[in-house]
Amino acid sequence: MDIVTDGDCRFDQDIGGQSWTSYPPHHMTGFDNAHPKLAKVGAGGLAFPRGHILHDYLEARVMPKLVGPVGRGEMQYSEIWKAAQRLTTRPVKFGTVTPELVAFAVQDEHYKDIPSRIMALSDAFNEELHDLADAGCPVIQMEEPQIHLLAARGIVDDVINPEFMLKVFNNTVKGLRAKTEVWCHTCWGNPSQQRMFAKVQSYKPALDVLNRVDADAITFETSSSGAMDLEAIGKQITTMKIGIGVIDHHTLQVESPTQVAELIRLSLQSIPAERLMLMSDCGMGREGMSRRHAFYKMASLVQGTNIVKRELGLPETPCLAADPRYSLIRTS
């Protein structure tokens, strides 16, 4: 891999990935962490019945109450990034949940309305992310701005709407691009490797707004959707680098390098090679998938990319998993 990630690996506890959301409020100021209270079951209007695997995820979300002005507290993002970066010579991308997702998940006894709560969290995140960039982090990824999810679900009221979420994103990353690369990650959710929607969703209603995020790169879930939005993405995302998911994070079936190469060739029909990045649709970790499956999916990503690089006359990336020198079976 050219760029690796810490995998958001900083959780105190985890059920279905819910602590991706709960880590910040358990470490920021303004929250009552002495007396955490169970949040209302649900996720931004989504709900699942008892007996459903995602009810498990929602029921386990124990979030502290917001009781005073929010501040960055002791999130320690720069220290966490340093712990990961010293284990590899590759650039380590640091990912974080977005402030609006935290805001939607907590109970609030301090701010007068949701927008005020979201923007206060956004300001605190921005301060923490500047500290991370100043420490030398080469890529900061904002994970799951609610722009596309609100657009897909038709939520466009006077307060919470895609345009407001664009304002939140740009405020959260304000000033960062002078110091580091900023990536905007989008997908359709995958707690415990589960789909959050009964039908495959389209990015098309949100692409105009997504094209205006203050980021160097933006990623899309395309493998698990059959690449149905590729042409539209290529037409409407005009300046940023575009990350295309060529590995499905929902299934244990490991894609073949040939399958990966086919999706890359399709991507190149709509996206210039110099702006194309290749990755998994979303994360594959924390309960839903074994490390072995995730490892070989990543090995296929590299091998499939090398097939296309070979066709284009580009230098290939070493894939140690496929290196015959390390085979346990003698061929001669």
C-alpha atoms as a PDB file:
ATOM      1  CA  MET A   1       0.000   0.000   0.000  1.00  0.00           C
ATOM      2  CA  ASP A   2       1.266   3.494  -0.813  1.00  0.00           C
ATOM      3  CA  ILE A   3      -0.638   5.070   2.097  1.00  0.00           C
ATOM      4  CA  VAL A   4      -1.671   3.146   5.211  1.00  0.00           C
ATOM      5  CA  THR A   5      -4.013   4.103   8.029  1.00  0.00           C
ATOM      6  CA  ASP A   6      -4.128   3.815  11.792  1.00  0.00           C
ATOM      7  CA  GLY A   7      -7.575   2.291  11.263  1.00  0.00           C
ATOM      8  CA  ASP A   8      -9.122   4.635  13.836  1.00  0.00           C
ATOM      9  CA  CYS A   9      -7.443   2.343  16.341  1.00  0.00           C
ATOM     10  CA  ARG A  10      -7.932   4.219  19.591  1.00  0.00           C
ATOM     11  CA  PHE A  11     -11.040   2.796  21.144  1.00  0.00           C
ATOM     12  CA  ASP A  12     -11.774   2.159  24.810  1.00  0.00           C
ATOM     13  CA  GLN A  13     -14.496  -0.356  23.922  1.00  0.00           C
ATOM     14  CA  ASP A  14     -16.247  -1.486  20.789  1.00  0.00           C
ATOM     15  CA  ILE A  15     -19.522  -3.073  19.723  1.00  0.00           C
ATOM     16  CA  GLY A  16     -20.128  -2.939  15.996  1.00  0.00           C
ATOM     17  CA  GLY A  17     -17.801   0.030  15.617  1.00  0.00           C
ATOM     18  CA  GLN A  18     -19.925   2.376  17.765  1.00  0.00           C
ATOM     19  CA  SER A  19     -16.922   3.711  19.668  1.00  0.00           C
ATOM     20  CA  TRP A  20     -15.753   5.372  16.457  1.00  0.00           C
ATOM     21  CA  THR A  21     -18.429   7.889  17.484  1.00  0.00           C
ATOM     22  CA  SER A  22     -18.036   7.698  21.243  1.00  0.00           C
ATOM     23  CA  TYR A  23     -14.277   8.232  21.573  1.00  0.00           C
ATOM     24  CA  PRO A  24     -14.332  12.054  21.199  1.00  0.00           C
ATOM     25  CA  PRO A  25     -17.082  12.847  23.759  1.00  0.00           C
ATOM     26  CA  HIS A  26     -15.417  10.562  26.292  1.00  0.00           C
ATOM     27  CA  HIS A  27     -12.225  12.631  25.983  1.00  0.00           C
ATOM     28  CA  MET A  28     -13.468  16.179  25.300  1.00  0.00           C
ATOM     29  CA  THR A  29     -14.402  18.766  27.908  1.00  0.00           C
ATOM     30  CA  GLY A  30     -18.017  19.787  28.436  1.00  0.00           C
ATOM     31  CA  PHE A  31     -19.316  16.233  28.780  1.00  0.00           C
ATOM     32  CA  ASP A  32     -20.422  14.527  32.000  1.00  0.00           C
ATOM     33  CA  ASN A  33     -18.225  11.443  31.827  1.00  0.00           C
ATOM     34  CA  ALA A  34     -18.769  10.635  35.491  1.00  0.00           C
ATOM     35  CA  HIS A  35     -22.403   9.733  34.877  1.00  0.00           C
ATOM     36  CA  PRO A  36     -22.813   8.489  31.268  1.00  0.00           C
ATOM     37  CA  LYS A  37     -26.371   7.892  30.238  1.00  0.00           C
ATOM     38  CA  LEU A  38     -27.697   5.565  27.558  1.00  0.00           C
ATOM     39  CA  ALA A  39     -28.476   7.477  24.399  1.00  0.00           C
ATOM     40  CA  LYS A  40     -31.846   7.099  22.762  1.00  0.00           C
ATOM     41  CA  VAL A  41     -31.797   4.065  20.469  1.00  0.00           C
ATOM     42  CA  GLY A  42     -31.470   5.261  16.903  1.00  0.00           C
ATOM     43  CA  ALA A  43     -28.965   6.794  14.522  1.00  0.00           C
ATOM     44  CA  GLY A  44     -30.000   9.998  12.835  1.00  0.00           C
ATOM     45  CA  GLY A  45     -33.528   8.711  12.347  1.00  0.00           C
ATOM     46  CA  LEU A  46     -32.525   5.116  11.584  1.00  0.00           C
ATOM     47  CA  ALA A  47     -33.785   2.395  13.901  1.00  0.00           C
ATOM     48  CA  PHE A  48     -33.639  -1.391  13.998  1.00  0.00           C
ATOM     49  CA  PRO A  49     -35.811  -3.805  16.022  1.00  0.00           C
ATOM     50  CA  ARG A  50     -34.602  -5.920  18.923  1.00  0.00           C
ATOM     51  CA  GLY A  51     -33.115  -9.116  17.525  1.00  0.00           C
ATOM     52  CA  HIS A  52     -31.493  -7.286  14.597  1.00  0.00           C
ATOM     53  CA  ILE A  53     -27.681  -7.151  14.636  1.00  0.00           C
ATOM     54  CA  LEU A  54     -27.765  -3.357  14.320  1.00  0.00           C
ATOM     55  CA  HIS A  55     -30.017  -3.010  17.357  1.00  0.00           C
ATOM     56  CA  ASP A  56     -27.034  -4.453  19.235  1.00  0.00           C
ATOM     57  CA  TYR A  57     -24.892  -1.640  17.894  1.00  0.00           C
ATOM     58  CA  LEU A  58     -27.365   1.097  18.825  1.00  0.00           C
ATOM     59  CA  GLU A  59     -28.253  -0.283  22.240  1.00  0.00           C
ATOM     60  CA  ALA A  60     -24.575  -0.426  23.191  1.00  0.00           C
ATOM     61  CA  ARG A  61     -24.009   3.247  22.424  1.00  0.00           C
ATOM     62  CA  VAL A  62     -23.455   4.729  25.880  1.00  0.00           C
ATOM     63  CA  MET A  63     -22.716   8.406  25.390  1.00  0.00           C
ATOM     64  CA  PRO A  64     -21.999  11.071  28.015  1.00  0.00           C
ATOM     65  CA  LYS A  65     -24.313  14.037  28.360  1.00  0.00           C
ATOM     66  CA  LEU A  66     -23.203  17.479  27.185  1.00  0.00           C
ATOM     67  CA  VAL A  67     -23.466  19.772  30.204  1.00  0.00           C
ATOM     68  CA  GLY A  68     -21.155  22.723  29.426  1.00  0.00           C
ATOM     69  CA  PRO A  69     -19.139  24.460  26.687  1.00  0.00           C
ATOM     70  CA  VAL A  70     -17.410  21.816  24.602  1.00  0.00           C
ATOM     71  CA  GLY A  71     -13.629  21.839  24.180  1.00  0.00           C
ATOM     72  CA  ARG A  72     -10.997  19.562  22.642  1.00  0.00           C
ATOM     73  CA  GLY A  73      -9.983  18.193  26.052  1.00  0.00           C
ATOM     74  CA  GLU A  74      -7.589  15.239  25.808  1.00  0.00           C
ATOM     75  CA  MET A  75      -8.376  13.619  22.461  1.00  0.00           C
ATOM     76  CA  GLN A  76      -4.621  13.144  21.897  1.00  0.00           C
ATOM     77  CA  TYR A  77      -4.919  12.760  18.116  1.00  0.00           C
ATOM     78  CA  SER A  78      -1.296  13.749  17.501  1.00  0.00           C
ATOM     79  CA  GLU A  79       0.003  11.227  20.045  1.00  0.00           C
ATOM     80  CA  ILE A  80      -2.119   8.459  18.506  1.00  0.00           C
ATOM     81  CA  TRP A  81      -0.862   9.292  15.017  1.00  0.00           C
ATOM     82  CA  LYS A  82       2.766   9.265  16.204  1.00  0.00           C
ATOM     83  CA  ALA A  83       2.277   5.818  17.752  1.00  0.00           C
ATOM     84  CA  ALA A  84       1.129   4.493  14.354  1.00  0.00           C
ATOM     85  CA  GLN A  85       3.600   6.409  12.161  1.00  0.00           C
ATOM     86  CA  ARG A  86       6.674   5.134  13.991  1.00  0.00           C
ATOM     87  CA  LEU A  87       5.710   1.568  12.973  1.00  0.00           C
ATOM     88  CA  THR A  88       6.030   2.175   9.219  1.00  0.00           C
ATOM     89  CA  THR A  89       7.971   4.210   6.668  1.00  0.00           C
ATOM     90  CA  ARG A  90       4.768   4.642   4.634  1.00  0.00           C
ATOM     91  CA  PRO A  91       2.663   7.769   5.187  1.00  0.00           C
ATOM     92  CA  VAL A  92      -0.007   7.107   7.836  1.00  0.00           C
ATOM     93  CA  LYS A  93      -3.419   8.633   7.175  1.00  0.00           C
ATOM     94  CA  PHE A  94      -5.319   9.616  10.322  1.00  0.00           C
ATOM     95  CA  GLY A  95      -9.105   9.295  10.236  1.00  0.00           C
ATOM     96  CA  THR A  96     -11.676  10.830  12.530  1.00  0.00           C
ATOM     97  CA  VAL A  97     -15.439  10.873  12.916  1.00  0.00           C
ATOM     98  CA  THR A  98     -17.038  14.186  11.967  1.00  0.00           C
ATOM     99  CA  PRO A  99     -18.459  16.550  14.619  1.00  0.00           C
ATOM    100  CA  GLU A 100     -22.057  16.341  13.391  1.00  0.00           C
ATOM    101  CA  LEU A 101     -22.162  12.582  14.006  1.00  0.00           C
ATOM    102  CA  VAL A 102     -21.044  13.145  17.586  1.00  0.00           C
ATOM    103  CA  ALA A 103     -23.588  15.943  17.943  1.00  0.00           C
ATOM    104  CA  PHE A 104     -26.451  13.746  16.732  1.00  0.00           C
ATOM    105  CA  ALA A 105     -25.543  10.954  19.157  1.00  0.00           C
ATOM    106  CA  VAL A 106     -25.304  12.827  22.469  1.00  0.00           C
ATOM    107  CA  GLN A 107     -27.843  14.307  24.841  1.00  0.00           C
ATOM    108  CA  ASP A 108     -27.441  18.050  25.329  1.00  0.00           C
ATOM    109  CA  GLU A 109     -28.261  20.179  28.359  1.00  0.00           C
ATOM    110  CA  HIS A 110     -26.134  23.158  27.346  1.00  0.00           C
ATOM    111  CA  TYR A 111     -26.612  24.385  23.750  1.00  0.00           C
ATOM    112  CA  LYS A 112     -29.925  25.896  22.695  1.00  0.00           C
ATOM    113  CA  ASP A 113     -30.205  23.982  19.405  1.00  0.00           C
ATOM    114  CA  ILE A 114     -28.550  21.326  17.249  1.00  0.00           C
ATOM    115  CA  PRO A 115     -26.713  23.714  14.869  1.00  0.00           C
ATOM    116  CA  SER A 116     -25.083  25.482  17.833  1.00  0.00           C
ATOM    117  CA  ARG A 117     -23.988  22.135  19.252  1.00  0.00           C
ATOM    118  CA  ILE A 118     -22.602  20.970  15.917  1.00  0.00           C
ATOM    119  CA  MET A 119     -20.626  24.173  15.283  1.00  0.00           C
ATOM    120  CA  ALA A 120     -19.177  24.174  18.805  1.00  0.00           C
ATOM    121  CA  LEU A 121     -17.947  20.622  18.272  1.00  0.00           C
ATOM    122  CA  SER A 122     -16.654  21.625  14.834  1.00  0.00           C
ATOM    123  CA  ASP A 123     -14.548  24.430  16.352  1.00  0.00           C
ATOM    124  CA  ALA A 124     -13.112  22.058  18.973  1.00  0.00           C
ATOM    125  CA  PHE A 125     -12.293  19.427  16.333  1.00  0.00           C
ATOM    126  CA  ASN A 126     -10.573  22.070  14.206  1.00  0.00           C
ATOM    127  CA  GLU A 127      -8.275  23.003  17.079  1.00  0.00           C
ATOM    128  CA  GLU A 128      -7.383  19.343  17.672  1.00  0.00           C
ATOM    129  CA  LEU A 129      -6.776  18.685  13.979  1.00  0.00           C
ATOM    130  CA  HIS A 130      -4.421  21.663  13.711  1.00  0.00           C
ATOM    131  CA  ASP A 131      -2.381  20.148  16.525  1.00  0.00           C
ATOM    132  CA  LEU A 132      -2.327  16.878  14.570  1.00  0.00           C
ATOM    133  CA  ALA A 133      -1.213  18.611  11.369  1.00  0.00           C
ATOM    134  CA  ASP A 134       1.471  20.547  13.242  1.00  0.00           C
ATOM    135  CA  ALA A 135       2.821  17.215  14.522  1.00  0.00           C
ATOM    136  CA  GLY A 136       3.507  16.206  10.910  1.00  0.00           C
ATOM    137  CA  CYS A 137       0.523  14.041   9.986  1.00  0.00           C
ATOM    138  CA  PRO A 138       0.571  13.883   6.143  1.00  0.00           C
ATOM    139  CA  VAL A 139      -3.122  13.045   5.568  1.00  0.00           C
ATOM    140  CA  ILE A 140      -6.177  13.784   7.726  1.00  0.00           C
ATOM    141  CA  GLN A 141      -9.390  12.064   6.693  1.00  0.00           C
ATOM    142  CA  MET A 142     -12.798  13.355   7.768  1.00  0.00           C
ATOM    143  CA  GLU A 143     -15.075  10.358   7.923  1.00  0.00           C
ATOM    144  CA  GLU A 144     -18.705  10.526   6.993  1.00  0.00           C
ATOM    145  CA  PRO A 145     -19.837  14.125   6.584  1.00  0.00           C
ATOM    146  CA  GLN A 146     -23.614  13.880   6.398  1.00  0.00           C
ATOM    147  CA  ILE A 147     -23.950  15.680   3.065  1.00  0.00           C
ATOM    148  CA  HIS A 148     -24.698  12.629   0.913  1.00  0.00           C
ATOM    149  CA  LEU A 149     -26.722  10.815   3.556  1.00  0.00           C
ATOM    150  CA  LEU A 150     -29.076  13.759   4.057  1.00  0.00           C
ATOM    151  CA  ALA A 151     -29.417  14.234   0.298  1.00  0.00           C
ATOM    152  CA  ALA A 152     -30.157  10.548  -0.288  1.00  0.00           C
ATOM    153  CA  ARG A 153     -32.822  10.523   2.429  1.00  0.00           C
ATOM    154  CA  GLY A 154     -34.386  13.762   1.231  1.00  0.00           C
ATOM    155  CA  ILE A 155     -33.694  15.648   4.472  1.00  0.00           C
ATOM    156  CA  VAL A 156     -33.541  19.268   3.369  1.00  0.00           C
ATOM    157  CA  ASP A 157     -35.264  21.241   6.131  1.00  0.00           C
ATOM    158  CA  ASP A 158     -34.413  24.847   6.994  1.00  0.00           C
ATOM    159  CA  VAL A 159     -31.765  23.873   9.549  1.00  0.00           C
ATOM    160  CA  ILE A 160     -30.247  20.461   8.944  1.00  0.00           C
ATOM    161  CA  ASN A 161     -29.548  20.069   5.234  1.00  0.00           C
ATOM    162  CA  PRO A 162     -26.648  19.288   2.868  1.00  0.00           C
ATOM    163  CA  GLU A 163     -25.645  22.961   2.521  1.00  0.00           C
ATOM    164  CA  PHE A 164     -25.369  23.329   6.301  1.00  0.00           C
ATOM    165  CA  MET A 165     -23.284  20.132   6.460  1.00  0.00           C
ATOM    166  CA  LEU A 166     -20.980  21.617   3.810  1.00  0.00           C
ATOM    167  CA  LYS A 167     -20.507  24.628   6.104  1.00  0.00           C
ATOM    168  CA  VAL A 168     -19.741  22.278   9.017  1.00  0.00           C
ATOM    169  CA  PHE A 169     -17.154  20.316   7.014  1.00  0.00           C
ATOM    170  CA  ASN A 170     -15.352  23.401   5.758  1.00  0.00           C
ATOM    171  CA  ASN A 171     -15.317  24.955   9.222  1.00  0.00           C
ATOM    172  CA  THR A 172     -13.914  21.756  10.764  1.00  0.00           C
ATOM    173  CA  VAL A 173     -10.978  21.645   8.333  1.00  0.00           C
ATOM    174  CA  LYS A 174     -10.465  25.435   8.105  1.00  0.00           C
ATOM    175  CA  GLY A 175      -6.793  26.259   7.571  1.00  0.00           C
ATOM    176  CA  LEU A 176      -5.635  22.632   7.496  1.00  0.00           C
ATOM    177  CA  ARG A 177      -4.811  22.386   3.805  1.00  0.00           C
ATOM    178  CA  ALA A 178      -1.951  24.858   4.276  1.00  0.00           C
ATOM    179  CA  LYS A 179      -0.331  22.235   6.522  1.00  0.00           C
ATOM    180  CA  THR A 180      -1.443  18.791   5.329  1.00  0.00           C
ATOM    181  CA  GLU A 181      -3.681  16.913   2.900  1.00  0.00           C
ATOM    182  CA  VAL A 182      -7.366  16.753   3.796  1.00  0.00           C
ATOM    183  CA  TRP A 183      -9.491  13.842   2.570  1.00  0.00           C
ATOM    184  CA  CYS A 184     -13.283  13.628   2.697  1.00  0.00           C
ATOM    185  CA  HIS A 185     -14.435  10.025   3.146  1.00  0.00           C
ATOM    186  CA  THR A 186     -17.967   9.043   2.196  1.00  0.00           C
ATOM    187  CA  CYS A 187     -19.750   5.704   2.332  1.00  0.00           C
ATOM    188  CA  TRP A 188     -23.184   4.338   3.229  1.00  0.00           C
ATOM    189  CA  GLY A 189     -22.320   2.882   6.635  1.00  0.00           C
ATOM    190  CA  ASN A 190     -21.043  -0.522   7.708  1.00  0.00           C
ATOM    191  CA  PRO A 191     -21.310  -1.277  11.453  1.00  0.00           C
ATOM    192  CA  SER A 192     -20.491  -4.981  11.860  1.00  0.00           C
ATOM    193  CA  GLN A 193     -20.107  -5.059   8.058  1.00  0.00           C
ATOM    194  CA  GLN A 194     -23.876  -4.523   7.635  1.00  0.00           C
ATOM    195  CA  ARG A 195     -25.645  -2.396   5.052  1.00  0.00           C
ATOM    196  CA  MET A 196     -27.583   0.467   6.665  1.00  0.00           C
ATOM    197  CA  PHE A 197     -30.059   0.786   3.762  1.00  0.00           C
ATOM    198  CA  ALA A 198     -32.280  -1.869   2.198  1.00  0.00           C
ATOM    199  CA  LYS A 199     -31.520  -0.510  -1.293  1.00  0.00           C
ATOM    200  CA  VAL A 200     -28.225   0.612  -2.791  1.00  0.00           C
ATOM    201  CA  GLN A 201     -28.015   4.400  -2.486  1.00  0.00           C
ATOM    202  CA  SER A 202     -26.835   6.887  -5.106  1.00  0.00           C
ATOM    203  CA  TYR A 203     -24.435   9.789  -4.609  1.00  0.00           C
ATOM    204  CA  LYS A 204     -25.968  11.749  -7.492  1.00  0.00           C
ATOM    205  CA  PRO A 205     -28.220  14.061  -5.380  1.00  0.00           C
ATOM    206  CA  ALA A 206     -25.183  15.187  -3.349  1.00  0.00           C
ATOM    207  CA  LEU A 207     -22.404  15.497  -5.919  1.00  0.00           C
ATOM    208  CA  ASP A 208     -22.808  19.231  -6.509  1.00  0.00           C
ATOM    209  CA  VAL A 209     -22.419  19.944  -2.791  1.00  0.00           C
ATOM    210  CA  LEU A 210     -19.640  17.384  -2.330  1.00  0.00           C
ATOM    211  CA  ASN A 211     -17.685  19.101  -5.098  1.00  0.00           C
ATOM    212  CA  ARG A 212     -17.458  22.148  -2.815  1.00  0.00           C
ATOM    213  CA  VAL A 213     -15.905  20.546   0.271  1.00  0.00           C
ATOM    214  CA  ASP A 214     -12.568  22.103   1.230  1.00  0.00           C
ATOM    215  CA  ALA A 215     -10.537  18.957   0.639  1.00  0.00           C
ATOM    216  CA  ASP A 216      -7.701  17.645  -1.494  1.00  0.00           C
ATOM    217  CA  ALA A 217      -9.396  14.286  -2.075  1.00  0.00           C
ATOM    218  CA  ILE A 218     -12.820  12.705  -1.755  1.00  0.00           C
ATOM    219  CA  THR A 219     -13.609   8.988  -1.544  1.00  0.00           C
ATOM    220  CA  PHE A 220     -16.647   7.056  -2.746  1.00  0.00           C
ATOM    221  CA  GLU A 221     -18.090   3.620  -2.049  1.00  0.00           C
ATOM    222  CA  THR A 222     -18.342   2.109  -5.533  1.00  0.00           C
ATOM    223  CA  SER A 223     -17.483  -1.599  -5.408  1.00  0.00           C
ATOM    224  CA  SER A 224     -20.520  -2.685  -3.379  1.00  0.00           C
ATOM    225  CA  SER A 225     -22.844  -0.544  -5.525  1.00  0.00           C
ATOM    226  CA  GLY A 226     -21.746  -2.017  -8.833  1.00  0.00           C
ATOM    227  CA  ALA A 227     -20.006   1.268  -9.726  1.00  0.00           C
ATOM    228  CA  MET A 228     -23.366   2.769 -10.703  1.00  0.00           C
ATOM    229  CA  ASP A 229     -22.298   6.391 -10.003  1.00  0.00           C
ATOM    230  CA  LEU A 230     -18.826   6.333 -11.571  1.00  0.00           C
ATOM    231  CA  GLU A 231     -19.677   8.401 -14.637  1.00  0.00           C
ATOM    232  CA  ALA A 232     -21.542  11.037 -12.598  1.00  0.00           C
ATOM    233  CA  ILE A 233     -18.709  11.240 -10.057  1.00  0.00           C
ATOM    234  CA  GLY A 234     -16.169  11.799 -12.813  1.00  0.00           C
ATOM    235  CA  LYS A 235     -18.260  14.571 -14.365  1.00  0.00           C
ATOM    236  CA  GLN A 236     -19.110  16.491 -11.184  1.00  0.00           C
ATOM    237  CA  ILE A 237     -16.026  16.164  -8.980  1.00  0.00           C
ATOM    238  CA  THR A 238     -13.837  18.448 -11.031  1.00  0.00           C
ATOM    239  CA  THR A 239     -10.684  19.378  -9.102  1.00  0.00           C
ATOM    240  CA  MET A 240     -10.127  17.032  -6.167  1.00  0.00           C
ATOM    241  CA  LYS A 241      -8.433  13.654  -6.301  1.00  0.00           C
ATOM    242  CA  ILE A 242     -11.088  10.933  -6.332  1.00  0.00           C
ATOM    243  CA  GLY A 243     -10.782   7.790  -4.257  1.00  0.00           C
ATOM    244  CA  ILE A 244     -12.710   4.873  -5.733  1.00  0.00           C
ATOM    245  CA  GLY A 245     -13.552   1.823  -3.654  1.00  0.00           C
ATOM    246  CA  VAL A 246     -12.551  -1.314  -5.567  1.00  0.00           C
ATOM    247  CA  ILE A 247     -12.907  -3.631  -2.561  1.00  0.00           C
ATOM    248  CA  ASP A 248     -16.301  -4.433  -0.987  1.00  0.00           C
ATOM    249  CA  HIS A 249     -16.180  -4.083   2.802  1.00  0.00           C
ATOM    250  CA  HIS A 250     -19.486  -5.918   3.336  1.00  0.00           C
ATOM    251  CA  THR A 251     -18.519  -9.378   2.090  1.00  0.00           C
ATOM    252  CA  LEU A 252     -15.965 -11.988   3.139  1.00  0.00           C
ATOM    253  CA  GLN A 253     -15.458 -13.025  -0.493  1.00  0.00           C
ATOM    254  CA  VAL A 254     -11.965 -11.823  -1.425  1.00  0.00           C
ATOM    255  CA  GLU A 255     -11.965 -10.026  -4.760  1.00  0.00           C
ATOM    256  CA  SER A 256      -9.557 -11.384  -7.351  1.00  0.00           C
ATOM    257  CA  PRO A 257      -6.867  -9.081  -8.767  1.00  0.00           C
ATOM    258  CA  THR A 258      -8.633  -9.429 -12.131  1.00  0.00           C
ATOM    259  CA  GLN A 259     -11.912  -8.114 -10.650  1.00  0.00           C
ATOM    260  CA  VAL A 260     -10.058  -5.174  -9.116  1.00  0.00           C
ATOM    261  CA  ALA A 261      -8.359  -4.405 -12.432  1.00  0.00           C
ATOM    262  CA  GLU A 262     -11.712  -4.425 -14.266  1.00  0.00           C
ATOM    263  CA  LEU A 263     -13.149  -1.803 -11.906  1.00  0.00           C
ATOM    264  CA  ILE A 264      -9.998   0.333 -12.211  1.00  0.00           C
ATOM    265  CA  ARG A 265     -10.250   0.277 -16.022  1.00  0.00           C
ATOM    266  CA  LEU A 266     -13.900   1.311 -15.732  1.00  0.00           C
ATOM    267  CA  SER A 267     -12.934   4.163 -13.385  1.00  0.00           C
ATOM    268  CA  LEU A 268     -10.344   5.436 -15.849  1.00  0.00           C
ATOM    269  CA  GLN A 269     -13.086   5.961 -18.428  1.00  0.00           C
ATOM    270  CA  SER A 270     -14.538   8.735 -16.233  1.00  0.00           C
ATOM    271  CA  ILE A 271     -11.691   9.896 -13.988  1.00  0.00           C
ATOM    272  CA  PRO A 272      -8.257  11.133 -15.125  1.00  0.00           C
ATOM    273  CA  ALA A 273      -5.468   8.804 -14.009  1.00  0.00           C
ATOM    274  CA  GLU A 274      -3.610  11.652 -12.286  1.00  0.00           C
ATOM    275  CA  ARG A 275      -6.626  12.260 -10.004  1.00  0.00           C
ATOM    276  CA  LEU A 276      -7.583   8.619  -9.374  1.00  0.00           C
ATOM    277  CA  MET A 277      -6.876   6.863  -6.068  1.00  0.00           C
ATOM    278  CA  LEU A 278      -7.790   3.247  -5.300  1.00  0.00           C
ATOM    279  CA  MET A 279      -8.930   1.874  -1.958  1.00  0.00           C
ATOM    280  CA  SER A 280     -11.528  -0.204  -0.180  1.00  0.00           C
ATOM    281  CA  ASP A 281     -15.107   1.087  -0.075  1.00  0.00           C
ATOM    282  CA  CYS A 282     -14.831   1.625   3.683  1.00  0.00           C
ATOM    283  CA  GLY A 283     -13.187   0.102   6.726  1.00  0.00           C
ATOM    284  CA  MET A 284     -13.193  -3.653   7.221  1.00  0.00           C
ATOM    285  CA  GLY A 285     -12.387  -3.873  10.885  1.00  0.00           C
ATOM    286  CA  ARG A 286     -13.819  -4.199  14.362  1.00  0.00           C
ATOM    287  CA  GLU A 287     -15.929  -7.341  14.759  1.00  0.00           C
ATOM    288  CA  GLY A 288     -17.283  -7.769  11.253  1.00  0.00           C
ATOM    289  CA  MET A 289     -14.324  -9.256   9.385  1.00  0.00           C
ATOM    290  CA  SER A 290     -11.243 -11.255  10.298  1.00  0.00           C
ATOM    291  CA  ARG A 291      -7.786  -9.767   9.853  1.00  0.00           C
ATOM    292  CA  ARG A 292      -7.013 -12.576   7.398  1.00  0.00           C
ATOM    293  CA  HIS A 293      -9.876 -11.625   5.081  1.00  0.00           C
ATOM    294  CA  ALA A 294      -8.970  -7.932   5.313  1.00  0.00           C
ATOM    295  CA  PHE A 295      -5.297  -8.659   4.611  1.00  0.00           C
ATOM    296  CA  TYR A 296      -5.970 -10.624   1.444  1.00  0.00           C
ATOM    297  CA  LYS A 297      -8.511  -8.076   0.220  1.00  0.00           C
ATOM    298  CA  MET A 298      -5.767  -5.461   0.485  1.00  0.00           C
ATOM    299  CA  ALA A 299      -3.317  -7.804  -1.243  1.00  0.00           C
ATOM    300  CA  SER A 300      -5.800  -8.118  -4.121  1.00  0.00           C
ATOM    301  CA  LEU A 301      -6.146  -4.339  -4.266  1.00  0.00           C
ATOM    302  CA  VAL A 302      -2.386  -3.992  -4.787  1.00  0.00           C
ATOM    303  CA  GLN A 303      -2.151  -6.878  -7.263  1.00  0.00           C
ATOM    304  CA  GLY A 304      -5.128  -5.635  -9.291  1.00  0.00           C
ATOM    305  CA  THR A 305      -3.683  -2.123  -9.400  1.00  0.00           C
ATOM    306  CA  ASN A 306      -0.385  -3.575 -10.600  1.00  0.00           C
ATOM    307  CA  ILE A 307      -2.171  -5.253 -13.522  1.00  0.00           C
ATOM    308  CA  VAL A 308      -3.390  -1.854 -14.739  1.00  0.00           C
ATOM    309  CA  LYS A 309      -0.078  -0.143 -13.966  1.00  0.00           C
ATOM    310  CA  ARG A 310       1.640  -2.750 -16.116  1.00  0.00           C
ATOM    311  CA  GLU A 311      -0.774  -1.991 -18.973  1.00  0.00           C
ATOM    312  CA  LEU A 312      -0.070   1.744 -18.624  1.00  0.00           C
ATOM    313  CA  GLY A 313       3.692   1.324 -18.331  1.00  0.00           C
ATOM    314  CA  LEU A 314       3.763   2.633 -14.754  1.00  0.00           C
ATOM    315  CA  PRO A 315       6.017   1.395 -11.930  1.00  0.00           C
ATOM    316  CA  GLU A 316       4.384  -1.387  -9.920  1.00  0.00           C
ATOM    317  CA  THR A 317       3.982  -1.463  -6.152  1.00  0.00           C
ATOM    318  CA  PRO A 318       5.617  -4.402  -4.323  1.00  0.00           C
ATOM    319  CA  CYS A 319       3.135  -6.883  -2.847  1.00  0.00           C
ATOM    320  CA  LEU A 320       4.949  -9.068  -0.340  1.00  0.00           C
ATOM    321  CA  ALA A 321       1.934 -11.350   0.070  1.00  0.00           C
ATOM    322  CA  ALA A 322       2.323 -12.370  -3.585  1.00  0.00           C
ATOM    323  CA  ASP A 323       6.146 -12.509  -3.632  1.00  0.00           C
ATOM    324  CA  PRO A 324       7.249 -16.078  -4.562  1.00  0.00           C
ATOM    325  CA  ARG A 325      10.358 -15.685  -2.376  1.00  0.00           C
ATOM    326  CA  TYR A 326       8.161 -16.085   0.682  1.00  0.00           C
ATOM    327  CA  SER A 327       6.177 -19.106  -0.457  1.00  0.00           C
ATOM    328  CA  LEU A 328       6.194 -22.029   1.978  1.00  0.00           C
ATOM    329  CA  ILE A 329       5.948 -24.475  -0.933  1.00  0.00           C
ATOM    330  CA  ARG A 330       9.065 -25.275  -2.915  1.00  0.00           C
ATOM    331  CA  THR A 331       8.651 -25.146  -6.671  1.00  0.00           C
ATOM    332  CA  SER A 332      11.965 -26.809  -7.492  1.00  0.00           C
END
